[in-house]
């Protein structure tokens, strides 16, 4: 199969180290090649076949396209969130949309509702005890 004439080795290396925290030996073993052969892929010494790129994508649990476009997509994402791509300092996370409550917020709200329900229940029980002349 014809090799890809792309310098994606640095993308592969960064995904492996930063996103996946995989050791070079682990990926080499999964690919059934020597650590040296895998190092040559990351260093753009050997040609990367489409088949090999697909194998690496499977190990990284991503698409081959993600690997190919990794640095470009990362740069665009960084620029978008750091006002270098024209968002003019606007907090894009909250433009016209209320923030969704986090799981912690929901748990706290449910806890407060439960406490209020229990307080009402206790007050009702106390009233029943008083009405029936039962000391507590």
Protein backbone atom coordinates (compact mmCIF):
# COMPACT_ATOMS: atom_id res chain seq x y z
CA UNK A 1 0.00 0.00 0.00
CA UNK A 2 1.30 3.46 -0.89
CA UNK A 3 2.68 5.44 2.06
CA UNK A 4 1.32 8.80 3.11
CA UNK A 5 3.70 11.64 2.38
CA UNK A 6 2.56 13.61 5.41
CA UNK A 7 4.43 14.66 8.49
CA UNK A 8 1.91 13.36 10.97
CA UNK A 9 4.43 11.74 13.27
CA UNK A 10 4.41 14.72 15.62
CA UNK A 11 0.59 14.56 15.74
CA UNK A 12 0.76 10.87 16.62
CA UNK A 13 3.40 11.51 19.27
CA UNK A 14 1.44 14.36 20.89
CA UNK A 15 -1.83 12.42 20.95
CA UNK A 16 -0.01 9.43 22.46
CA UNK A 17 1.74 11.48 25.14
CA UNK A 18 -0.76 14.23 25.96
CA UNK A 19 -4.18 12.77 25.33
CA UNK A 20 -3.69 9.06 25.84
CA UNK A 21 -0.69 8.94 28.17
CA UNK A 22 0.50 5.80 26.39
CA UNK A 23 4.11 4.65 26.44
CA UNK A 24 5.84 4.22 23.09
CA UNK A 25 6.44 0.56 23.92
CA UNK A 26 2.71 -0.02 24.47
CA UNK A 27 1.75 1.36 21.04
CA UNK A 28 4.58 -0.53 19.35
CA UNK A 29 3.44 -3.79 20.95
CA UNK A 30 -0.16 -3.17 19.89
CA UNK A 31 1.04 -2.55 16.31
CA UNK A 32 3.21 -5.67 16.42
CA UNK A 33 6.34 -3.73 15.50
CA UNK A 34 9.55 -2.85 17.30
CA UNK A 35 9.77 0.25 19.44
CA UNK A 36 12.41 1.54 17.00
CA UNK A 37 10.05 1.10 14.03
CA UNK A 38 7.32 2.94 15.92
CA UNK A 39 9.76 5.70 16.86
CA UNK A 40 10.53 6.10 13.15
CA UNK A 41 6.82 6.69 12.52
CA UNK A 42 6.64 9.40 15.18
CA UNK A 43 9.83 11.01 13.88
CA UNK A 44 8.62 10.92 10.25
CA UNK A 45 11.57 8.73 9.27
CA UNK A 46 9.51 5.92 7.79
CA UNK A 47 6.54 6.27 5.47
CA UNK A 48 3.18 5.88 7.13
CA UNK A 49 0.72 3.71 5.24
CA UNK A 50 -3.00 4.33 5.34
CA UNK A 51 -3.38 0.91 6.90
CA UNK A 52 -0.87 1.74 9.65
CA UNK A 53 -2.60 5.09 10.27
CA UNK A 54 -5.91 3.25 10.68
CA UNK A 55 -4.28 0.83 13.14
CA UNK A 56 -2.91 3.71 15.20
CA UNK A 57 -6.32 5.42 15.15
CA UNK A 58 -7.89 2.25 16.54
CA UNK A 59 -5.35 2.14 19.37
CA UNK A 60 -5.95 5.84 20.11
CA UNK A 61 -9.73 5.36 19.82
CA UNK A 62 -10.11 8.15 17.27
CA UNK A 63 -10.43 8.55 13.53
CA UNK A 64 -7.48 8.71 11.14
CA UNK A 65 -8.75 12.14 10.11
CA UNK A 66 -8.45 13.31 13.72
CA UNK A 67 -4.79 12.31 13.70
CA UNK A 68 -4.15 13.98 10.33
CA UNK A 69 -5.83 17.26 11.36
CA UNK A 70 -4.74 17.25 15.02
CA UNK A 71 -2.42 20.27 15.06
CA UNK A 72 -4.64 22.37 12.79
CA UNK A 73 -7.79 21.63 14.78
CA UNK A 74 -5.97 22.25 18.05
CA UNK A 75 -4.64 25.59 16.81
CA UNK A 76 -8.08 26.70 15.59
CA UNK A 77 -9.67 25.69 18.91
CA UNK A 78 -7.01 27.57 20.88
CA UNK A 79 -7.39 30.68 18.72
CA UNK A 80 -11.17 30.60 19.00
CA UNK A 81 -11.10 30.55 22.77
CA UNK A 82 -8.25 33.02 23.15
CA UNK A 83 -9.71 35.85 21.06
CA UNK A 84 -7.36 35.36 18.13
CA UNK A 85 -10.11 34.35 15.74
CA UNK A 86 -12.51 37.21 16.16
CA UNK A 87 -14.73 36.50 19.12
CA UNK A 88 -13.79 40.01 20.35
CA UNK A 89 -13.52 39.14 24.01
CA UNK A 90 -17.06 37.80 24.30
CA UNK A 91 -17.52 34.88 26.63
CA UNK A 92 -18.86 32.43 24.07
CA UNK A 93 -19.79 29.92 26.74
CA UNK A 94 -22.75 32.02 27.93
CA UNK A 95 -24.03 33.90 24.90
CA UNK A 96 -27.80 33.92 25.33
CA UNK A 97 -27.85 30.47 26.89
CA UNK A 98 -28.21 29.75 30.54
CA UNK A 99 -25.52 27.51 31.90
CA UNK A 100 -26.71 23.98 32.48
CA UNK A 101 -26.69 22.95 36.15
CA UNK A 102 -23.87 20.63 37.05
CA UNK A 103 -24.48 17.30 38.71
CA UNK A 104 -23.34 18.87 41.99
CA UNK A 105 -25.89 21.66 41.61
CA UNK A 106 -28.65 19.12 40.99
CA UNK A 107 -27.61 16.99 43.98
CA UNK A 108 -27.58 20.06 46.26
CA UNK A 109 -31.02 21.10 45.01
CA UNK A 110 -32.42 17.61 45.57
CA UNK A 111 -30.87 17.51 49.04
CA UNK A 112 -32.52 20.85 49.91
CA UNK A 113 -35.88 19.60 48.63
CA UNK A 114 -35.53 16.41 50.66
CA UNK A 115 -34.66 18.35 53.82
CA UNK A 116 -37.65 20.65 53.35
CA UNK A 117 -39.92 17.63 52.84
CA UNK A 118 -38.59 16.01 56.03
CA UNK A 119 -39.06 19.23 58.01
CA UNK A 120 -42.71 19.37 56.91
CA UNK A 121 -43.15 15.71 57.80
CA UNK A 122 -41.67 16.24 61.27
CA UNK A 123 -43.93 19.26 61.85
CA UNK A 124 -46.97 17.20 60.82
CA UNK A 125 -45.99 14.32 63.12
CA UNK A 126 -45.42 16.72 66.02
CA UNK A 127 -48.88 18.25 65.43
CA UNK A 128 -50.46 14.77 65.39
CA UNK A 129 -48.72 13.84 68.62
CA UNK A 130 -49.90 17.07 70.28
CA UNK A 131 -53.49 16.58 69.07
CA UNK A 132 -53.50 13.11 70.58
CA UNK A 133 -51.93 14.29 73.85
CA UNK A 134 -48.80 12.21 73.36
CA UNK A 135 -45.64 13.56 74.95
CA UNK A 136 -42.48 13.48 72.88
